[in-house]
Amino acid sequence: MGSPSQISALSWRVAASVAERVPGLQVFHLHPGGGQYDVLSLRVRGVTLADLNRNGRIFIAGTTPLEWDEVFA
């Protein structure tokens, strides 16, 4: 695993890459759970599509209309 600065940079690169492929996507840097987590939340019109937990997990909302294979290709 990389340093905290490397993880930060890489997570923003992933979020920016997804944002280029999904019209209207916004990226929010959040700290849910009372600050327990460091998350980049990917949203369109206020609806969460995915959360990138910067400790290495990705949560994808079950009702998104996206083809994630294409988004992450």
PDB file of N, CA and C in Angstrom:
ATOM      1  N   MET A   1       0.848  -1.175   0.000  1.00  0.00           N
ATOM      2  CA  MET A   1       0.000   0.000   0.000  1.00  0.00           C
ATOM      3  C   MET A   1       0.890   1.232   0.000  1.00  0.00           C
ATOM      4  N   GLY A   2       0.408   2.296  -0.599  1.00  0.00           N
ATOM      5  CA  GLY A   2       1.196   3.511  -0.710  1.00  0.00           C
ATOM      6  C   GLY A   2       1.071   4.408   0.502  1.00  0.00           C
ATOM      7  N   SER A   3       1.793   5.502   0.424  1.00  0.00           N
ATOM      8  CA  SER A   3       1.733   6.496   1.490  1.00  0.00           C
ATOM      9  C   SER A   3       0.384   7.215   1.426  1.00  0.00           C
ATOM     10  N   PRO A   4       0.009   7.910   2.512  1.00  0.00           N
ATOM     11  CA  PRO A   4      -1.265   8.645   2.484  1.00  0.00           C
ATOM     12  C   PRO A   4      -1.354   9.640   1.325  1.00  0.00           C
ATOM     13  N   SER A   5      -0.256  10.291   0.982  1.00  0.00           N
ATOM     14  CA  SER A   5      -0.316  11.247  -0.132  1.00  0.00           C
ATOM     15  C   SER A   5      -0.488  10.537  -1.469  1.00  0.00           C
ATOM     16  N   GLN A   6       0.109   9.351  -1.627  1.00  0.00           N
ATOM     17  CA  GLN A   6      -0.073   8.579  -2.861  1.00  0.00           C
ATOM     18  C   GLN A   6      -1.510   8.082  -2.983  1.00  0.00           C
ATOM     19  N   ILE A   7      -2.066   7.603  -1.871  1.00  0.00           N
ATOM     20  CA  ILE A   7      -3.452   7.132  -1.870  1.00  0.00           C
ATOM     21  C   ILE A   7      -4.389   8.279  -2.206  1.00  0.00           C
ATOM     22  N   SER A   8      -4.151   9.447  -1.641  1.00  0.00           N
ATOM     23  CA  SER A   8      -4.976  10.616  -1.924  1.00  0.00           C
ATOM     24  C   SER A   8      -4.932  10.961  -3.411  1.00  0.00           C
ATOM     25  N   ALA A   9      -3.729  11.021  -3.967  1.00  0.00           N
ATOM     26  CA  ALA A   9      -3.579  11.371  -5.380  1.00  0.00           C
ATOM     27  C   ALA A   9      -4.242  10.339  -6.285  1.00  0.00           C
ATOM     28  N   LEU A  10      -4.037   9.057  -5.991  1.00  0.00           N
ATOM     29  CA  LEU A  10      -4.615   8.011  -6.829  1.00  0.00           C
ATOM     30  C   LEU A  10      -6.138   7.981  -6.742  1.00  0.00           C
ATOM     31  N   SER A  11      -6.682   8.210  -5.543  1.00  0.00           N
ATOM     32  CA  SER A  11      -8.141   8.196  -5.415  1.00  0.00           C
ATOM     33  C   SER A  11      -8.754   9.349  -6.207  1.00  0.00           C
ATOM     34  N   TRP A  12      -8.101  10.508  -6.202  1.00  0.00           N
ATOM     35  CA  TRP A  12      -8.609  11.625  -7.000  1.00  0.00           C
ATOM     36  C   TRP A  12      -8.484  11.334  -8.494  1.00  0.00           C
ATOM     37  N   ARG A  13      -7.444  10.627  -8.898  1.00  0.00           N
ATOM     38  CA  ARG A  13      -7.303  10.254 -10.317  1.00  0.00           C
ATOM     39  C   ARG A  13      -8.425   9.327 -10.745  1.00  0.00           C
ATOM     40  N   VAL A  14      -8.759   8.354  -9.900  1.00  0.00           N
ATOM     41  CA  VAL A  14      -9.865   7.436 -10.210  1.00  0.00           C
ATOM     42  C   VAL A  14     -11.169   8.224 -10.314  1.00  0.00           C
ATOM     43  N   ALA A  15     -11.436   9.093  -9.338  1.00  0.00           N
ATOM     44  CA  ALA A  15     -12.674   9.883  -9.338  1.00  0.00           C
ATOM     45  C   ALA A  15     -12.747  10.776 -10.565  1.00  0.00           C
ATOM     46  N   ALA A  16     -11.639  11.420 -10.919  1.00  0.00           N
ATOM     47  CA  ALA A  16     -11.623  12.301 -12.097  1.00  0.00           C
ATOM     48  C   ALA A  16     -11.847  11.508 -13.379  1.00  0.00           C
ATOM     49  N   SER A  17     -11.271  10.315 -13.454  1.00  0.00           N
ATOM     50  CA  SER A  17     -11.448   9.470 -14.629  1.00  0.00           C
ATOM     51  C   SER A  17     -12.908   9.055 -14.799  1.00  0.00           C
ATOM     52  N   VAL A  18     -13.552   8.698 -13.695  1.00  0.00           N
ATOM     53  CA  VAL A  18     -14.972   8.344 -13.755  1.00  0.00           C
ATOM     54  C   VAL A  18     -15.800   9.569 -14.138  1.00  0.00           C
ATOM     55  N   ALA A  19     -15.469  10.718 -13.569  1.00  0.00           N
ATOM     56  CA  ALA A  19     -16.216  11.954 -13.848  1.00  0.00           C
ATOM     57  C   ALA A  19     -16.153  12.326 -15.329  1.00  0.00           C
ATOM     58  N   GLU A  20     -15.056  12.015 -15.989  1.00  0.00           N
ATOM     59  CA  GLU A  20     -14.939  12.282 -17.432  1.00  0.00           C
ATOM     60  C   GLU A  20     -15.907  11.438 -18.246  1.00  0.00           C
ATOM     61  N   ARG A  21     -16.277  10.274 -17.734  1.00  0.00           N
ATOM     62  CA  ARG A  21     -17.121   9.335 -18.472  1.00  0.00           C
ATOM     63  C   ARG A  21     -18.611   9.437 -18.142  1.00  0.00           C
ATOM     64  N   VAL A  22     -18.935  10.123 -17.047  1.00  0.00           N
ATOM     65  CA  VAL A  22     -20.323  10.175 -16.588  1.00  0.00           C
ATOM     66  C   VAL A  22     -20.796  11.625 -16.584  1.00  0.00           C
ATOM     67  N   PRO A  23     -21.650  12.012 -17.542  1.00  0.00           N
ATOM     68  CA  PRO A  23     -22.131  13.395 -17.602  1.00  0.00           C
ATOM     69  C   PRO A  23     -22.832  13.815 -16.307  1.00  0.00           C
ATOM     70  N   GLY A  24     -22.511  14.999 -15.823  1.00  0.00           N
ATOM     71  CA  GLY A  24     -23.169  15.546 -14.640  1.00  0.00           C
ATOM     72  C   GLY A  24     -22.664  15.019 -13.317  1.00  0.00           C
ATOM     73  N   LEU A  25     -21.646  14.151 -13.347  1.00  0.00           N
ATOM     74  CA  LEU A  25     -21.144  13.570 -12.108  1.00  0.00           C
ATOM     75  C   LEU A  25     -20.386  14.616 -11.295  1.00  0.00           C
ATOM     76  N   GLN A  26     -20.641  14.616  -9.994  1.00  0.00           N
ATOM     77  CA  GLN A  26     -19.922  15.486  -9.068  1.00  0.00           C
ATOM     78  C   GLN A  26     -19.203  14.612  -8.055  1.00  0.00           C
ATOM     79  N   VAL A  27     -18.041  15.072  -7.613  1.00  0.00           N
ATOM     80  CA  VAL A  27     -17.249  14.354  -6.623  1.00  0.00           C
ATOM     81  C   VAL A  27     -17.233  15.173  -5.341  1.00  0.00           C
ATOM     82  N   PHE A  28     -17.574  14.521  -4.237  1.00  0.00           N
ATOM     83  CA  PHE A  28     -17.577  15.173  -2.931  1.00  0.00           C
ATOM     84  C   PHE A  28     -16.590  14.457  -2.018  1.00  0.00           C
ATOM     85  N   HIS A  29     -15.785  15.223  -1.313  1.00  0.00           N
ATOM     86  CA  HIS A  29     -14.859  14.660  -0.327  1.00  0.00           C
ATOM     87  C   HIS A  29     -15.560  14.713   1.020  1.00  0.00           C
ATOM     88  N   LEU A  30     -15.889  13.540   1.564  1.00  0.00           N
ATOM     89  CA  LEU A  30     -16.685  13.449   2.781  1.00  0.00           C
ATOM     90  C   LEU A  30     -15.956  12.666   3.875  1.00  0.00           C
ATOM     91  N   HIS A  31     -16.416  12.868   5.102  1.00  0.00           N
ATOM     92  CA  HIS A  31     -15.902  12.132   6.256  1.00  0.00           C
ATOM     93  C   HIS A  31     -17.083  11.608   7.066  1.00  0.00           C
ATOM     94  N   PRO A  32     -17.799  10.602   6.526  1.00  0.00           N
ATOM     95  CA  PRO A  32     -18.973  10.068   7.230  1.00  0.00           C
ATOM     96  C   PRO A  32     -18.580   9.282   8.481  1.00  0.00           C
ATOM     97  N   GLY A  33     -19.599   8.879   9.213  1.00  0.00           N
ATOM     98  CA  GLY A  33     -19.358   8.109  10.425  1.00  0.00           C
ATOM     99  C   GLY A  33     -18.685   8.932  11.503  1.00  0.00           C
ATOM    100  N   GLY A  34     -19.024  10.229  11.556  1.00  0.00           N
ATOM    101  CA  GLY A  34     -18.418  11.089  12.566  1.00  0.00           C
ATOM    102  C   GLY A  34     -16.933  11.295  12.338  1.00  0.00           C
ATOM    103  N   GLY A  35     -16.494  11.194  11.073  1.00  0.00           N
ATOM    104  CA  GLY A  35     -15.090  11.388  10.743  1.00  0.00           C
ATOM    105  C   GLY A  35     -14.283  10.106  10.709  1.00  0.00           C
ATOM    106  N   GLN A  36     -14.939   8.965  10.859  1.00  0.00           N
ATOM    107  CA  GLN A  36     -14.224   7.684  10.843  1.00  0.00           C
ATOM    108  C   GLN A  36     -13.681   7.329   9.465  1.00  0.00           C
ATOM    109  N   TYR A  37     -14.340   7.820   8.419  1.00  0.00           N
ATOM    110  CA  TYR A  37     -13.992   7.422   7.060  1.00  0.00           C
ATOM    111  C   TYR A  37     -13.543   8.626   6.250  1.00  0.00           C
ATOM    112  N   ASP A  38     -12.749   8.351   5.225  1.00  0.00           N
ATOM    113  CA  ASP A  38     -12.299   9.355   4.274  1.00  0.00           C
ATOM    114  C   ASP A  38     -12.784   8.870   2.910  1.00  0.00           C
ATOM    115  N   VAL A  39     -13.794   9.543   2.361  1.00  0.00           N
ATOM    116  CA  VAL A  39     -14.521   9.028   1.198  1.00  0.00           C
ATOM    117  C   VAL A  39     -14.616  10.080   0.095  1.00  0.00           C
ATOM    118  N   LEU A  40     -14.470   9.627  -1.145  1.00  0.00           N
ATOM    119  CA  LEU A  40     -14.847  10.433  -2.303  1.00  0.00           C
ATOM    120  C   LEU A  40     -16.171   9.860  -2.780  1.00  0.00           C
ATOM    121  N   SER A  41     -17.215  10.670  -2.699  1.00  0.00           N
ATOM    122  CA  SER A  41     -18.556  10.237  -3.077  1.00  0.00           C
ATOM    123  C   SER A  41     -18.866  10.726  -4.481  1.00  0.00           C
ATOM    124  N   LEU A  42     -19.265   9.819  -5.356  1.00  0.00           N
ATOM    125  CA  LEU A  42     -19.589  10.129  -6.747  1.00  0.00           C
ATOM    126  C   LEU A  42     -21.102  10.226  -6.868  1.00  0.00           C
ATOM    127  N   ARG A  43     -21.583  11.413  -7.256  1.00  0.00           N
ATOM    128  CA  ARG A  43     -23.026  11.648  -7.273  1.00  0.00           C
ATOM    129  C   ARG A  43     -23.465  12.362  -8.547  1.00  0.00           C
ATOM    130  N   VAL A  44     -24.685  12.052  -8.955  1.00  0.00           N
ATOM    131  CA  VAL A  44     -25.339  12.753 -10.071  1.00  0.00           C
ATOM    132  C   VAL A  44     -26.680  13.247  -9.550  1.00  0.00           C
ATOM    133  N   ARG A  45     -26.896  14.546  -9.650  1.00  0.00           N
ATOM    134  CA  ARG A  45     -28.133  15.184  -9.170  1.00  0.00           C
ATOM    135  C   ARG A  45     -28.480  14.756  -7.742  1.00  0.00           C
ATOM    136  N   GLY A  46     -27.474  14.687  -6.886  1.00  0.00           N
ATOM    137  CA  GLY A  46     -27.695  14.362  -5.483  1.00  0.00           C
ATOM    138  C   GLY A  46     -27.837  12.889  -5.169  1.00  0.00           C
ATOM    139  N   VAL A  47     -27.829  12.033  -6.177  1.00  0.00           N
ATOM    140  CA  VAL A  47     -27.967  10.587  -5.964  1.00  0.00           C
ATOM    141  C   VAL A  47     -26.574   9.956  -5.959  1.00  0.00           C
ATOM    142  N   THR A  48     -26.266   9.238  -4.889  1.00  0.00           N
ATOM    143  CA  THR A  48     -24.967   8.588  -4.779  1.00  0.00           C
ATOM    144  C   THR A  48     -24.885   7.391  -5.720  1.00  0.00           C
ATOM    145  N   LEU A  49     -23.858   7.393  -6.571  1.00  0.00           N
ATOM    146  CA  LEU A  49     -23.606   6.271  -7.459  1.00  0.00           C
ATOM    147  C   LEU A  49     -22.585   5.320  -6.851  1.00  0.00           C
ATOM    148  N   ALA A  50     -21.572   5.913  -6.210  1.00  0.00           N
ATOM    149  CA  ALA A  50     -20.525   5.105  -5.592  1.00  0.00           C
ATOM    150  C   ALA A  50     -19.780   5.944  -4.570  1.00  0.00           C
ATOM    151  N   ASP A  51     -19.213   5.269  -3.591  1.00  0.00           N
ATOM    152  CA  ASP A  51     -18.338   5.900  -2.609  1.00  0.00           C
ATOM    153  C   ASP A  51     -16.995   5.189  -2.670  1.00  0.00           C
ATOM    154  N   LEU A  52     -15.946   5.971  -2.843  1.00  0.00           N
ATOM    155  CA  LEU A  52     -14.593   5.431  -2.846  1.00  0.00           C
ATOM    156  C   LEU A  52     -13.997   5.682  -1.469  1.00  0.00           C
ATOM    157  N   ASN A  53     -13.979   4.658  -0.634  1.00  0.00           N
ATOM    158  CA  ASN A  53     -13.344   4.771   0.672  1.00  0.00           C
ATOM    159  C   ASN A  53     -11.847   4.766   0.424  1.00  0.00           C
ATOM    160  N   ARG A  54     -11.171   5.809   0.864  1.00  0.00           N
ATOM    161  CA  ARG A  54      -9.770   5.973   0.520  1.00  0.00           C
ATOM    162  C   ARG A  54      -8.853   5.014   1.276  1.00  0.00           C
ATOM    163  N   ASN A  55      -9.437   4.092   2.053  1.00  0.00           N
ATOM    164  CA  ASN A  55      -8.653   3.007   2.646  1.00  0.00           C
ATOM    165  C   ASN A  55      -8.699   1.769   1.768  1.00  0.00           C
ATOM    166  N   GLY A  56      -9.345   1.878   0.594  1.00  0.00           N
ATOM    167  CA  GLY A  56      -9.249   0.792  -0.362  1.00  0.00           C
ATOM    168  C   GLY A  56     -10.516   0.083  -0.773  1.00  0.00           C
ATOM    169  N   ARG A  57     -11.671   0.493  -0.309  1.00  0.00           N
ATOM    170  CA  ARG A  57     -12.915  -0.175  -0.698  1.00  0.00           C
ATOM    171  C   ARG A  57     -13.767   0.752  -1.548  1.00  0.00           C
ATOM    172  N   ILE A  58     -14.545   0.150  -2.429  1.00  0.00           N
ATOM    173  CA  ILE A  58     -15.497   0.895  -3.244  1.00  0.00           C
ATOM    174  C   ILE A  58     -16.885   0.349  -2.970  1.00  0.00           C
ATOM    175  N   PHE A  59     -17.806   1.239  -2.613  1.00  0.00           N
ATOM    176  CA  PHE A  59     -19.204   0.868  -2.430  1.00  0.00           C
ATOM    177  C   PHE A  59     -19.970   1.392  -3.634  1.00  0.00           C
ATOM    178  N   ILE A  60     -20.613   0.502  -4.367  1.00  0.00           N
ATOM    179  CA  ILE A  60     -21.412   0.893  -5.530  1.00  0.00           C
ATOM    180  C   ILE A  60     -22.873   0.720  -5.166  1.00  0.00           C
ATOM    181  N   ALA A  61     -23.635   1.805  -5.308  1.00  0.00           N
ATOM    182  CA  ALA A  61     -25.065   1.771  -4.990  1.00  0.00           C
ATOM    183  C   ALA A  61     -25.752   0.766  -5.908  1.00  0.00           C
ATOM    184  N   GLY A  62     -26.679   0.008  -5.364  1.00  0.00           N
ATOM    185  CA  GLY A  62     -27.319  -1.068  -6.100  1.00  0.00           C
ATOM    186  C   GLY A  62     -28.275  -0.634  -7.193  1.00  0.00           C
ATOM    187  N   THR A  63     -28.656   0.636  -7.221  1.00  0.00           N
ATOM    188  CA  THR A  63     -29.668   1.069  -8.178  1.00  0.00           C
ATOM    189  C   THR A  63     -29.123   2.022  -9.242  1.00  0.00           C
ATOM    190  N   THR A  64     -27.818   2.043  -9.447  1.00  0.00           N
ATOM    191  CA  THR A  64     -27.270   2.968 -10.430  1.00  0.00           C
ATOM    192  C   THR A  64     -27.528   2.471 -11.844  1.00  0.00           C
ATOM    193  N   PRO A  65     -27.784   3.391 -12.773  1.00  0.00           N
ATOM    194  CA  PRO A  65     -28.042   3.005 -14.160  1.00  0.00           C
ATOM    195  C   PRO A  65     -26.755   2.818 -14.966  1.00  0.00           C
ATOM    196  N   LEU A  66     -25.606   2.880 -14.328  1.00  0.00           N
ATOM    197  CA  LEU A  66     -24.334   2.835 -15.054  1.00  0.00           C
ATOM    198  C   LEU A  66     -23.879   1.405 -15.279  1.00  0.00           C
ATOM    199  N   GLU A  67     -23.173   1.227 -16.373  1.00  0.00           N
ATOM    200  CA  GLU A  67     -22.482  -0.028 -16.652  1.00  0.00           C
ATOM    201  C   GLU A  67     -21.067   0.155 -16.123  1.00  0.00           C
ATOM    202  N   TRP A  68     -20.814  -0.330 -14.908  1.00  0.00           N
ATOM    203  CA  TRP A  68     -19.540  -0.051 -14.253  1.00  0.00           C
ATOM    204  C   TRP A  68     -18.366  -0.652 -14.988  1.00  0.00           C
ATOM    205  N   ASP A  69     -18.559  -1.745 -15.719  1.00  0.00           N
ATOM    206  CA  ASP A  69     -17.452  -2.300 -16.510  1.00  0.00           C
ATOM    207  C   ASP A  69     -16.960  -1.266 -17.511  1.00  0.00           C
ATOM    208  N   GLU A  70     -17.888  -0.533 -18.115  1.00  0.00           N
ATOM    209  CA  GLU A  70     -17.527   0.497 -19.088  1.00  0.00           C
ATOM    210  C   GLU A  70     -16.907   1.716 -18.415  1.00  0.00           C
ATOM    211  N   VAL A  71     -17.454   2.111 -17.279  1.00  0.00           N
ATOM    212  CA  VAL A  71     -16.953   3.293 -16.572  1.00  0.00           C
ATOM    213  C   VAL A  71     -15.513   3.091 -16.127  1.00  0.00           C
ATOM    214  N   PHE A  72     -15.192   1.882 -15.611  1.00  0.00           N
ATOM    215  CA  PHE A  72     -13.858   1.633 -15.097  1.00  0.00           C
ATOM    216  C   PHE A  72     -12.916   1.046 -16.149  1.00  0.00           C
ATOM    217  N   ALA A  73     -13.378   0.898 -17.388  1.00  0.00           N
ATOM    218  CA  ALA A  73     -12.516   0.344 -18.452  1.00  0.00           C
ATOM    219  C   ALA A  73     -11.335   1.247 -18.754  1.00  0.00           C
TER     220      ALA A  73
END
